Amino acid sequence: MAGLIDHPPGRRPERLTDGEQAVLVHHILRGPDPDRGEPSSWTLPDLCRFIEARFGKTMLPQSMSRLVVRSRATARTLFMRCITERVGRRVHNRRLIGSTRSRGKPN
């Protein structure tokens, strides 16, 4: 079929690289510092201005909203993985050492 062009599958490439997204997540999690002249809480336009000042890239608040939602899901996943690993180590250690609390059931 002459004249047909294959388009790459998928969606547009991300505007921010993985490293830049990590910096943004850290900036959000650190929270604003009113003593340094930052607002009391981040808004999407504030985060857009941060990206422009830090990386020289412009983003609309709608795009920032999608990015923040994805970043929150990623941060939540990492947090839950960390908690699960800690709880798993505690359970494993209790099985090896024995529980320090009496549960009313024989071991």
Protein backbone atom coordinates (compact mmCIF):
# COMPACT_ATOMS: atom_id res chain seq x y z
CA MET A 1 0.00 0.00 0.00
CA ALA A 2 1.86 2.98 -1.26
CA GLY A 3 1.63 6.23 0.64
CA LEU A 4 1.00 4.76 4.10
CA ILE A 5 3.42 5.73 6.81
CA ASP A 6 3.93 3.82 10.03
CA HIS A 7 3.57 6.01 13.09
CA PRO A 8 5.41 5.05 16.24
CA PRO A 9 3.12 3.28 18.69
CA GLY A 10 2.31 4.75 22.09
CA ARG A 11 2.05 8.29 23.31
CA ARG A 12 4.23 11.37 23.15
CA PRO A 13 7.53 11.25 25.00
CA GLU A 14 7.47 12.72 28.50
CA ARG A 15 8.33 16.40 28.72
CA LEU A 16 10.42 15.82 31.85
CA THR A 17 13.09 13.14 32.10
CA ASP A 18 13.03 10.61 34.93
CA GLY A 19 15.68 12.60 36.79
CA GLU A 20 13.72 15.83 36.44
CA GLN A 21 10.56 14.07 37.65
CA ALA A 22 12.50 12.81 40.68
CA VAL A 23 13.60 16.37 41.46
CA LEU A 24 9.98 17.52 41.16
CA VAL A 25 8.74 14.75 43.49
CA HIS A 26 11.43 15.65 46.03
CA HIS A 27 10.45 19.34 45.74
CA ILE A 28 6.78 18.48 46.33
CA LEU A 29 7.48 16.13 49.25
CA ARG A 30 9.84 18.65 50.88
CA GLY A 31 6.97 21.11 50.91
CA PRO A 32 7.03 24.89 50.65
CA ASP A 33 9.00 27.05 53.07
CA PRO A 34 7.14 30.32 53.79
CA ASP A 35 10.27 31.67 55.50
CA ARG A 36 12.01 31.62 52.10
CA GLY A 37 9.14 33.46 50.42
CA GLU A 38 7.41 30.34 49.12
CA PRO A 39 3.62 29.97 49.38
CA SER A 40 2.00 28.08 52.24
CA SER A 41 1.09 25.19 49.89
CA TRP A 42 2.01 24.27 46.32
CA THR A 43 -0.40 25.01 43.51
CA LEU A 44 -0.08 23.70 39.96
CA PRO A 45 1.00 27.12 38.60
CA ASP A 46 3.66 27.29 41.37
CA LEU A 47 5.03 23.93 40.27
CA CYS A 48 4.97 25.04 36.62
CA ARG A 49 7.04 28.10 37.55
CA PHE A 50 9.47 25.87 39.47
CA ILE A 51 9.95 23.64 36.41
CA GLU A 52 10.50 26.65 34.18
CA ALA A 53 13.02 28.22 36.55
CA ARG A 54 14.85 24.97 37.28
CA PHE A 55 14.88 23.21 33.90
CA GLY A 56 13.89 25.92 31.41
CA LYS A 57 10.84 23.93 30.26
CA THR A 58 7.30 25.28 30.17
CA MET A 59 4.27 23.25 31.20
CA LEU A 60 0.60 24.01 31.45
CA PRO A 61 -1.15 23.39 34.79
CA GLN A 62 -3.23 20.62 33.16
CA SER A 63 -0.08 18.76 32.14
CA MET A 64 1.39 19.34 35.57
CA SER A 65 -1.77 17.86 37.11
CA ARG A 66 -1.33 14.61 35.16
CA LEU A 67 2.34 14.47 36.08
CA VAL A 68 1.62 15.04 39.79
CA VAL A 69 -1.03 12.31 39.82
CA ARG A 70 1.40 9.84 38.24
CA SER A 71 4.16 10.96 40.64
CA ARG A 72 1.89 10.48 43.64
CA ALA A 73 1.08 6.96 42.49
CA THR A 74 4.81 6.24 42.07
CA ALA A 75 5.64 7.72 45.46
CA ARG A 76 2.80 5.76 47.09
CA THR A 77 4.03 2.52 45.47
CA LEU A 78 7.58 3.09 46.69
CA PHE A 79 6.32 3.96 50.18
CA MET A 80 4.15 0.83 50.37
CA ARG A 81 7.02 -1.34 49.12
CA CYS A 82 9.28 0.11 51.83
CA ILE A 83 6.66 -0.49 54.55
CA THR A 84 6.02 -4.04 53.33
CA GLU A 85 9.74 -4.83 53.42
CA ARG A 86 10.04 -3.46 56.97
CA VAL A 87 7.01 -5.40 58.21
CA GLY A 88 8.30 -8.53 56.48
CA ARG A 89 11.66 -8.20 58.25
CA ARG A 90 9.91 -7.72 61.61
CA VAL A 91 7.75 -10.80 61.08
CA HIS A 92 10.78 -12.80 59.97
CA ASN A 93 12.81 -11.64 63.01
CA ARG A 94 9.95 -12.52 65.39
CA ARG A 95 9.77 -16.01 63.98
CA LEU A 96 13.50 -16.46 64.53
CA ILE A 97 13.66 -14.88 67.99
CA GLY A 98 10.12 -15.46 69.21
CA SER A 99 7.54 -12.88 70.05
CA THR A 100 8.18 -10.62 73.03
CA ARG A 101 4.43 -10.28 73.67
CA SER A 102 2.15 -12.91 75.04
CA ARG A 103 -0.65 -13.66 72.62
CA GLY A 104 -2.48 -16.22 74.70
CA LYS A 105 -1.79 -18.97 72.15
CA PRO A 106 0.99 -21.53 72.43
CA ASN A 107 3.74 -21.12 69.85
